[in-house]
Amino acid sequence: MSGRIITARHGRPNLARDLTISAREYGDWWARYDASGLHPDEAPPPALIDLAGKASTVLSSTLPRAIETARQVTGGARDVPADPIFVEAPLPPPPVPWLKLRPGQWGVVSRLFWSLGYAPEGVESAAEAWMRVEQIINRLEAFTERGDVLLCAHGFLNWMIDRKLRRSGWRRAARDGGNHYWSWRIYEAEPSREPAHTAPAIAE
């Protein structure tokens, strides 16, 4: 019997959101968000710590907030491989020079523009991100040959993974926290699904 796939969103980063900025300034703010770790007051929920403790494999993206999340849920007691394939889908600031919004509002506007095809040169497009999600799922499925696999990643990427998994023979068996910080989802393979991948090696 193969293991489960568990996806978790990182905890709250240590960056202020209570400001009003332009689209260009939002690009700078998002770069700082990507570089920031978790807020010092953050702590993972006990249920997520329990899931991490029972997982055969724990993975994270290479962004500090995801790495620190993985470290906290495992108590720093194990090595957690980090890979850029798991980083968040990009949020390029949209070409809207006349607005000033809060970062969270810019996130909604930017995601809409990006989802509709806006991707400046050098930025991963929505179509490219969906192809990356396919690769992520192949990798996660391979790790389930060893048991449960927990991925500490990001809100929108986890939503994309959710959509693809549930269309490819995986059932969302449990979830907690919606899409907020520290939220998680558990997926179980449908009985008819056959293993299709071999678990990749992890460097010690």
Protein backbone atom coordinates (compact mmCIF):
# COMPACT_ATOMS: atom_id res chain seq x y z
CA MET A 1 0.00 0.00 0.00
CA SER A 2 1.44 3.37 -0.99
CA GLY A 3 1.72 6.26 1.43
CA ARG A 4 -0.19 9.50 1.47
CA ILE A 5 0.71 12.88 -0.02
CA ILE A 6 0.52 15.76 2.46
CA THR A 7 0.95 19.39 1.46
CA ALA A 8 1.42 22.20 3.98
CA ARG A 9 1.62 25.94 3.63
CA HIS A 10 4.41 27.78 5.44
CA GLY A 11 3.87 29.84 8.57
CA ARG A 12 3.50 33.64 8.65
CA PRO A 13 6.59 35.43 7.29
CA ASN A 14 8.28 38.22 9.20
CA LEU A 15 7.20 41.09 6.93
CA ALA A 16 4.70 43.89 7.47
CA ARG A 17 1.56 43.96 5.33
CA ASP A 18 0.01 47.10 6.79
CA LEU A 19 1.04 49.54 4.06
CA THR A 20 -0.23 50.93 0.77
CA ILE A 21 2.09 50.65 -2.24
CA SER A 22 2.22 50.94 -6.02
CA ALA A 23 2.57 47.99 -8.38
CA ARG A 24 6.28 48.70 -8.80
CA GLU A 25 6.72 48.89 -5.04
CA TYR A 26 4.80 45.62 -4.75
CA GLY A 27 7.49 43.97 -6.87
CA ASP A 28 10.09 45.08 -4.31
CA TRP A 29 7.84 44.02 -1.43
CA TRP A 30 7.36 40.54 -2.95
CA ALA A 31 11.14 40.14 -3.31
CA ARG A 32 11.50 40.92 0.40
CA TYR A 33 8.69 38.45 1.15
CA ASP A 34 10.58 35.73 -0.72
CA ALA A 35 13.73 36.53 1.25
CA SER A 36 12.06 36.60 4.66
CA GLY A 37 11.85 33.83 7.21
CA LEU A 38 9.05 33.18 9.67
CA HIS A 39 7.85 35.71 12.20
CA PRO A 40 9.46 34.97 15.60
CA ASP A 41 6.03 34.43 17.20
CA GLU A 42 5.10 31.65 14.77
CA ALA A 43 4.70 28.04 15.88
CA PRO A 44 3.26 25.07 13.96
CA PRO A 45 0.00 23.43 15.03
CA PRO A 46 0.36 20.11 16.88
CA ALA A 47 -1.52 18.22 14.16
CA LEU A 48 1.05 19.25 11.54
CA ILE A 49 3.92 18.30 13.84
CA ASP A 50 2.29 14.88 14.23
CA LEU A 51 1.94 14.45 10.46
CA ALA A 52 5.60 15.38 9.96
CA GLY A 53 6.68 12.92 12.63
CA LYS A 54 4.88 10.07 10.89
CA ALA A 55 6.02 10.97 7.35
CA SER A 56 8.75 8.88 5.77
CA THR A 57 9.85 11.87 3.69
CA VAL A 58 9.66 15.61 4.37
CA LEU A 59 10.49 18.07 1.58
CA SER A 60 10.46 21.84 1.21
CA SER A 61 10.93 24.59 -1.32
CA THR A 62 14.16 26.57 -1.25
CA LEU A 63 12.53 29.76 0.03
CA PRO A 64 13.38 30.63 3.66
CA ARG A 65 9.78 30.61 4.90
CA ALA A 66 9.28 27.04 3.66
CA ILE A 67 12.66 25.82 4.94
CA GLU A 68 11.96 27.26 8.40
CA THR A 69 8.47 25.75 8.36
CA ALA A 70 9.92 22.31 7.64
CA ARG A 71 12.49 22.80 10.37
CA GLN A 72 9.82 23.72 12.90
CA VAL A 73 7.42 20.88 12.09
CA THR A 74 10.26 18.34 12.32
CA GLY A 75 11.81 19.96 15.38
CA GLY A 76 15.07 20.18 13.44
CA ALA A 77 15.52 16.47 14.08
CA ARG A 78 15.97 15.40 10.47
CA ASP A 79 17.40 16.62 7.21
CA VAL A 80 14.79 18.08 4.87
CA PRO A 81 15.81 18.27 1.21
CA ALA A 82 14.91 21.64 -0.36
CA ASP A 83 14.32 21.95 -4.08
CA PRO A 84 13.45 25.00 -6.25
CA ILE A 85 10.83 22.92 -8.08
CA PHE A 86 8.62 23.52 -5.04
CA VAL A 87 8.84 27.34 -4.94
CA GLU A 88 5.69 29.44 -5.20
CA ALA A 89 4.12 30.28 -8.54
CA PRO A 90 5.35 33.76 -9.48
CA LEU A 91 3.47 36.99 -8.76
CA PRO A 92 4.84 39.59 -11.20
CA PRO A 93 3.56 43.10 -10.43
CA PRO A 94 0.93 43.94 -13.05
CA PRO A 95 1.23 46.86 -15.49
CA VAL A 96 -1.10 49.11 -13.48
CA PRO A 97 0.79 52.34 -12.68
CA TRP A 98 -2.07 54.37 -11.25
CA LEU A 99 -3.17 52.26 -8.27
CA LYS A 100 -1.95 51.99 -4.69
CA LEU A 101 -3.09 48.94 -2.76
CA ARG A 102 -2.14 46.81 0.22
CA PRO A 103 0.18 43.86 -0.53
CA GLY A 104 -2.62 41.33 -0.10
CA GLN A 105 -4.77 43.19 -2.61
CA TRP A 106 -1.88 43.40 -5.07
CA GLY A 107 -1.49 39.64 -4.66
CA VAL A 108 -5.04 39.10 -5.91
CA VAL A 109 -4.62 41.52 -8.84
CA SER A 110 -1.22 40.11 -9.76
CA ARG A 111 -2.48 36.51 -9.65
CA LEU A 112 -5.38 37.42 -11.92
CA PHE A 113 -3.09 39.09 -14.49
CA TRP A 114 -0.66 36.16 -14.32
CA SER A 115 -3.42 33.56 -14.65
CA LEU A 116 -4.67 35.37 -17.75
CA GLY A 117 -1.26 35.16 -19.39
CA TYR A 118 0.74 38.13 -18.11
CA ALA A 119 4.35 37.06 -17.58
CA PRO A 120 7.21 39.50 -18.31
CA GLU A 121 10.36 38.16 -19.91
CA GLY A 122 12.16 35.76 -17.61
CA VAL A 123 9.08 35.07 -15.45
CA GLU A 124 7.51 31.62 -15.40
CA SER A 125 4.12 31.72 -17.13
CA ALA A 126 0.96 30.08 -15.81
CA ALA A 127 1.23 27.36 -18.47
CA GLU A 128 4.83 26.67 -17.48
CA ALA A 129 3.85 26.55 -13.79
CA TRP A 130 1.16 23.96 -14.51
CA MET A 131 3.77 21.83 -16.27
CA ARG A 132 5.98 22.19 -13.20
CA VAL A 133 3.11 21.00 -11.04
CA GLU A 134 2.91 17.84 -13.16
CA GLN A 135 6.59 17.22 -12.41
CA ILE A 136 6.00 17.88 -8.71
CA ILE A 137 3.18 15.36 -8.57
CA ASN A 138 5.31 12.73 -10.31
CA ARG A 139 8.00 13.30 -7.70
CA LEU A 140 5.61 13.18 -4.75
CA GLU A 141 3.97 10.03 -6.07
CA ALA A 142 7.36 8.37 -6.31
CA PHE A 143 8.12 9.15 -2.67
CA THR A 144 4.85 7.53 -1.54
CA GLU A 145 6.46 4.16 -2.32
CA ARG A 146 8.35 4.71 0.96
CA GLY A 147 5.34 5.90 2.97
CA ASP A 148 3.78 9.29 3.65
CA VAL A 149 5.47 12.31 2.07
CA LEU A 150 5.01 15.83 3.46
CA LEU A 151 5.75 18.86 1.29
CA CYS A 152 6.23 22.24 3.02
CA ALA A 153 5.51 24.74 0.29
CA HIS A 154 3.25 27.67 -0.60
CA GLY A 155 -0.38 28.68 -0.79
CA PHE A 156 -1.09 29.00 -4.49
CA LEU A 157 1.27 26.21 -5.52
CA ASN A 158 -0.45 23.89 -3.06
CA TRP A 159 -3.81 24.88 -4.57
CA MET A 160 -2.49 23.99 -8.02
CA ILE A 161 -1.22 20.65 -6.71
CA ASP A 162 -4.64 20.04 -5.14
CA ARG A 163 -6.40 20.50 -8.47
CA LYS A 164 -4.02 18.20 -10.36
CA LEU A 165 -3.96 15.49 -7.71
CA ARG A 166 -7.73 15.23 -7.50
CA ARG A 167 -7.92 14.88 -11.27
CA SER A 168 -5.34 12.11 -11.37
CA GLY A 169 -6.62 9.46 -9.01
CA TRP A 170 -6.00 11.01 -5.59
CA ARG A 171 -8.70 11.75 -3.01
CA ARG A 172 -8.40 14.64 -0.58
CA ALA A 173 -9.00 12.78 2.67
CA ALA A 174 -8.53 15.63 5.16
CA ARG A 175 -7.62 19.27 5.37
CA ASP A 176 -7.16 21.96 8.00
CA GLY A 177 -6.82 25.72 7.88
CA GLY A 178 -8.22 26.35 4.40
CA ASN A 179 -5.38 28.06 2.53
CA HIS A 180 -4.04 30.04 5.48
CA TYR A 181 -0.60 29.87 7.08
CA TRP A 182 0.17 26.40 8.52
CA SER A 183 -2.76 24.88 6.60
CA TRP A 184 -2.41 21.31 5.34
CA ARG A 185 -4.14 18.76 3.11
CA ILE A 186 -3.89 14.97 3.03
CA TYR A 187 -4.39 12.94 -0.15
CA GLU A 188 -4.90 9.20 -0.45
CA ALA A 189 -4.61 7.22 -3.67
CA GLU A 190 -7.86 5.80 -5.00
CA PRO A 191 -7.90 1.98 -4.78
CA SER A 192 -7.78 1.63 -8.56
CA ARG A 193 -4.64 3.73 -8.90
CA GLU A 194 -1.49 1.79 -9.75
CA PRO A 195 1.97 3.02 -8.66
CA ALA A 196 3.73 4.49 -11.69
CA HIS A 197 7.00 5.84 -10.35
CA THR A 198 10.10 4.74 -8.51
CA ALA A 199 11.11 6.75 -5.47
CA PRO A 200 14.11 8.97 -6.19
CA ALA A 201 17.19 8.75 -4.06
CA ILE A 202 17.80 11.40 -1.40
CA ALA A 203 21.38 12.45 -0.83
CA GLU A 204 22.45 11.81 2.74
